[in-house]
Amino acid sequence: MKNYPEIAQQYHSGYADLAAVIPNTTSAFGRLVMDATEGGALSVKTKELIAFAIAIAVRCDGCLAHHSQAVFKAGATRQEVAEMIGVAILMGGGPSSVYGVEALRAFDAFAGFTQ
């Protein structure tokens, strides 16, 4: 089983290394992330659920790790995440069902949920 907190940590430390080499690009991307996910007509939680769904559709482990942590911090419940996964499966078919399972595992890792 994948360790999503570890994947998130590896992504963030790797991104810091990348930022040292291309600071202008990573700084611009960081501003984009902050601007795109701040609350407005859509809440931070809604925006993070959308980003999490896209992470499922594009099958990105680093994205799953980052956005599962962000959606948990934004206050999403496990049921909200499960229903979002259902929409991602609708839009992405079989591959999204595989990553939907991974997405729920990632969220559970940050939420401390155990079965």
C-alpha atoms as a PDB file:
ATOM      1  CA  MET A   1       0.000   0.000   0.000  1.00  0.00           C
ATOM      2  CA  LYS A   2       1.256   3.479  -0.826  1.00  0.00           C
ATOM      3  CA  ASN A   3       2.221   5.825   2.009  1.00  0.00           C
ATOM      4  CA  TYR A   4       0.522   9.093   1.047  1.00  0.00           C
ATOM      5  CA  PRO A   5       1.911  11.232   3.882  1.00  0.00           C
ATOM      6  CA  GLU A   6       5.378  10.110   2.762  1.00  0.00           C
ATOM      7  CA  ILE A   7       4.539  10.806  -0.903  1.00  0.00           C
ATOM      8  CA  ALA A   8       3.343  14.298   0.077  1.00  0.00           C
ATOM      9  CA  GLN A   9       6.534  14.944   2.047  1.00  0.00           C
ATOM     10  CA  GLN A  10       8.700  13.717  -0.847  1.00  0.00           C
ATOM     11  CA  TYR A  11       6.812  15.951  -3.282  1.00  0.00           C
ATOM     12  CA  HIS A  12       7.110  19.019  -1.069  1.00  0.00           C
ATOM     13  CA  SER A  13      10.827  18.513  -0.401  1.00  0.00           C
ATOM     14  CA  GLY A  14      11.452  17.779  -4.072  1.00  0.00           C
ATOM     15  CA  TYR A  15       9.532  20.895  -5.046  1.00  0.00           C
ATOM     16  CA  ALA A  16      11.716  22.935  -2.693  1.00  0.00           C
ATOM     17  CA  ASP A  17      14.773  21.548  -4.496  1.00  0.00           C
ATOM     18  CA  LEU A  18      13.228  22.434  -7.850  1.00  0.00           C
ATOM     19  CA  ALA A  19      12.437  25.936  -6.566  1.00  0.00           C
ATOM     20  CA  ALA A  20      16.114  26.484  -5.838  1.00  0.00           C
ATOM     21  CA  VAL A  21      16.880  25.889  -9.521  1.00  0.00           C
ATOM     22  CA  ILE A  22      13.887  27.641 -11.152  1.00  0.00           C
ATOM     23  CA  PRO A  23      12.646  30.096  -8.520  1.00  0.00           C
ATOM     24  CA  ASN A  24      10.673  32.353 -10.850  1.00  0.00           C
ATOM     25  CA  THR A  25       8.657  29.497 -12.324  1.00  0.00           C
ATOM     26  CA  THR A  26       7.940  27.795  -9.017  1.00  0.00           C
ATOM     27  CA  SER A  27       7.081  31.110  -7.369  1.00  0.00           C
ATOM     28  CA  ALA A  28       4.626  31.912 -10.170  1.00  0.00           C
ATOM     29  CA  PHE A  29       3.077  28.450  -9.859  1.00  0.00           C
ATOM     30  CA  GLY A  30       2.832  28.879  -6.088  1.00  0.00           C
ATOM     31  CA  ARG A  31       0.951  32.144  -6.562  1.00  0.00           C
ATOM     32  CA  LEU A  32      -1.365  30.419  -9.050  1.00  0.00           C
ATOM     33  CA  VAL A  33      -2.090  27.659  -6.528  1.00  0.00           C
ATOM     34  CA  MET A  34      -2.820  30.169  -3.773  1.00  0.00           C
ATOM     35  CA  ASP A  35      -5.026  32.340  -5.988  1.00  0.00           C
ATOM     36  CA  ALA A  36      -6.910  29.416  -7.531  1.00  0.00           C
ATOM     37  CA  THR A  37      -7.678  27.723  -4.210  1.00  0.00           C
ATOM     38  CA  GLU A  38      -8.575  30.687  -2.016  1.00  0.00           C
ATOM     39  CA  GLY A  39     -12.184  31.063  -0.983  1.00  0.00           C
ATOM     40  CA  GLY A  40     -14.535  33.088  -3.137  1.00  0.00           C
ATOM     41  CA  ALA A  41     -17.806  32.159  -4.798  1.00  0.00           C
ATOM     42  CA  LEU A  42     -16.569  28.585  -4.286  1.00  0.00           C
ATOM     43  CA  SER A  43     -15.253  27.592  -0.876  1.00  0.00           C
ATOM     44  CA  VAL A  44     -11.715  26.345  -0.351  1.00  0.00           C
ATOM     45  CA  LYS A  45     -13.189  22.903   0.392  1.00  0.00           C
ATOM     46  CA  THR A  46     -15.109  22.837  -2.902  1.00  0.00           C
ATOM     47  CA  LYS A  47     -12.052  23.910  -4.864  1.00  0.00           C
ATOM     48  CA  GLU A  48      -9.916  21.254  -3.184  1.00  0.00           C
ATOM     49  CA  LEU A  49     -12.540  18.579  -3.900  1.00  0.00           C
ATOM     50  CA  ILE A  50     -12.407  19.615  -7.568  1.00  0.00           C
ATOM     51  CA  ALA A  51      -8.605  19.454  -7.591  1.00  0.00           C
ATOM     52  CA  PHE A  52      -8.730  16.062  -5.862  1.00  0.00           C
ATOM     53  CA  ALA A  53     -11.163  14.763  -8.503  1.00  0.00           C
ATOM     54  CA  ILE A  54      -8.846  15.937 -11.271  1.00  0.00           C
ATOM     55  CA  ALA A  55      -5.933  14.194  -9.527  1.00  0.00           C
ATOM     56  CA  ILE A  56      -7.936  10.963  -9.771  1.00  0.00           C
ATOM     57  CA  ALA A  57      -8.733  11.529 -13.439  1.00  0.00           C
ATOM     58  CA  VAL A  58      -5.115  12.207 -14.396  1.00  0.00           C
ATOM     59  CA  ARG A  59      -3.834   9.403 -12.124  1.00  0.00           C
ATOM     60  CA  CYS A  60      -1.197  11.472 -10.306  1.00  0.00           C
ATOM     61  CA  ASP A  61       0.064  10.014  -7.007  1.00  0.00           C
ATOM     62  CA  GLY A  62       1.756  13.242  -5.941  1.00  0.00           C
ATOM     63  CA  CYS A  63      -1.431  15.162  -6.707  1.00  0.00           C
ATOM     64  CA  LEU A  64      -3.484  12.636  -4.705  1.00  0.00           C
ATOM     65  CA  ALA A  65      -1.135  13.022  -1.764  1.00  0.00           C
ATOM     66  CA  HIS A  66      -1.150  16.824  -1.866  1.00  0.00           C
ATOM     67  CA  HIS A  67      -4.869  17.312  -2.446  1.00  0.00           C
ATOM     68  CA  SER A  68      -5.999  14.598  -0.036  1.00  0.00           C
ATOM     69  CA  GLN A  69      -4.149  16.448   2.702  1.00  0.00           C
ATOM     70  CA  ALA A  70      -5.499  19.827   1.516  1.00  0.00           C
ATOM     71  CA  VAL A  71      -9.101  18.597   1.277  1.00  0.00           C
ATOM     72  CA  PHE A  72      -8.867  17.131   4.784  1.00  0.00           C
ATOM     73  CA  LYS A  73      -7.470  20.403   6.135  1.00  0.00           C
ATOM     74  CA  ALA A  74     -10.297  22.253   4.342  1.00  0.00           C
ATOM     75  CA  GLY A  75     -12.808  20.256   6.381  1.00  0.00           C
ATOM     76  CA  ALA A  76     -14.136  17.698   3.887  1.00  0.00           C
ATOM     77  CA  THR A  77     -15.746  14.635   5.369  1.00  0.00           C
ATOM     78  CA  ARG A  78     -15.077  11.088   4.255  1.00  0.00           C
ATOM     79  CA  GLN A  79     -18.593  10.954   2.777  1.00  0.00           C
ATOM     80  CA  GLU A  80     -17.987  14.114   0.743  1.00  0.00           C
ATOM     81  CA  VAL A  81     -14.743  12.639  -0.551  1.00  0.00           C
ATOM     82  CA  ALA A  82     -16.489   9.354  -1.397  1.00  0.00           C
ATOM     83  CA  GLU A  83     -19.200  11.170  -3.368  1.00  0.00           C
ATOM     84  CA  MET A  84     -16.557  13.227  -5.192  1.00  0.00           C
ATOM     85  CA  ILE A  85     -14.813   9.956  -6.081  1.00  0.00           C
ATOM     86  CA  GLY A  86     -18.110   8.754  -7.574  1.00  0.00           C
ATOM     87  CA  VAL A  87     -18.198  11.798  -9.863  1.00  0.00           C
ATOM     88  CA  ALA A  88     -14.555  11.251 -10.825  1.00  0.00           C
ATOM     89  CA  ILE A  89     -15.369   7.632 -11.727  1.00  0.00           C
ATOM     90  CA  LEU A  90     -18.328   8.827 -13.789  1.00  0.00           C
ATOM     91  CA  MET A  91     -16.061  11.146 -15.763  1.00  0.00           C
ATOM     92  CA  GLY A  92     -12.985   8.917 -15.963  1.00  0.00           C
ATOM     93  CA  GLY A  93     -14.308   5.344 -16.117  1.00  0.00           C
ATOM     94  CA  GLY A  94     -12.304   2.303 -15.097  1.00  0.00           C
ATOM     95  CA  PRO A  95      -8.923   3.977 -14.556  1.00  0.00           C
ATOM     96  CA  SER A  96     -10.594   6.518 -12.283  1.00  0.00           C
ATOM     97  CA  SER A  97     -12.155   3.706 -10.262  1.00  0.00           C
ATOM     98  CA  VAL A  98      -8.644   2.389  -9.557  1.00  0.00           C
ATOM     99  CA  TYR A  99      -7.425   5.824  -8.559  1.00  0.00           C
ATOM    100  CA  GLY A 100     -10.653   6.452  -6.663  1.00  0.00           C
ATOM    101  CA  VAL A 101      -9.665   3.600  -4.354  1.00  0.00           C
ATOM    102  CA  GLU A 102      -6.236   5.210  -3.981  1.00  0.00           C
ATOM    103  CA  ALA A 103      -7.816   8.613  -3.333  1.00  0.00           C
ATOM    104  CA  LEU A 104      -9.905   7.273  -0.458  1.00  0.00           C
ATOM    105  CA  ARG A 105      -6.815   5.587   0.990  1.00  0.00           C
ATOM    106  CA  ALA A 106      -4.913   8.879   0.711  1.00  0.00           C
ATOM    107  CA  PHE A 107      -7.686  10.827   2.446  1.00  0.00           C
ATOM    108  CA  ASP A 108      -7.935   8.188   5.165  1.00  0.00           C
ATOM    109  CA  ALA A 109      -4.188   8.425   5.752  1.00  0.00           C
ATOM    110  CA  PHE A 110      -4.479  12.114   6.589  1.00  0.00           C
ATOM    111  CA  ALA A 111      -7.810  11.814   8.397  1.00  0.00           C
ATOM    112  CA  GLY A 112      -6.607   8.948  10.568  1.00  0.00           C
ATOM    113  CA  PHE A 113      -9.481   6.719   9.467  1.00  0.00           C
ATOM    114  CA  THR A 114      -9.025   2.994  10.019  1.00  0.00           C
ATOM    115  CA  GLN A 115     -11.412   0.172   9.255  1.00  0.00           C
END
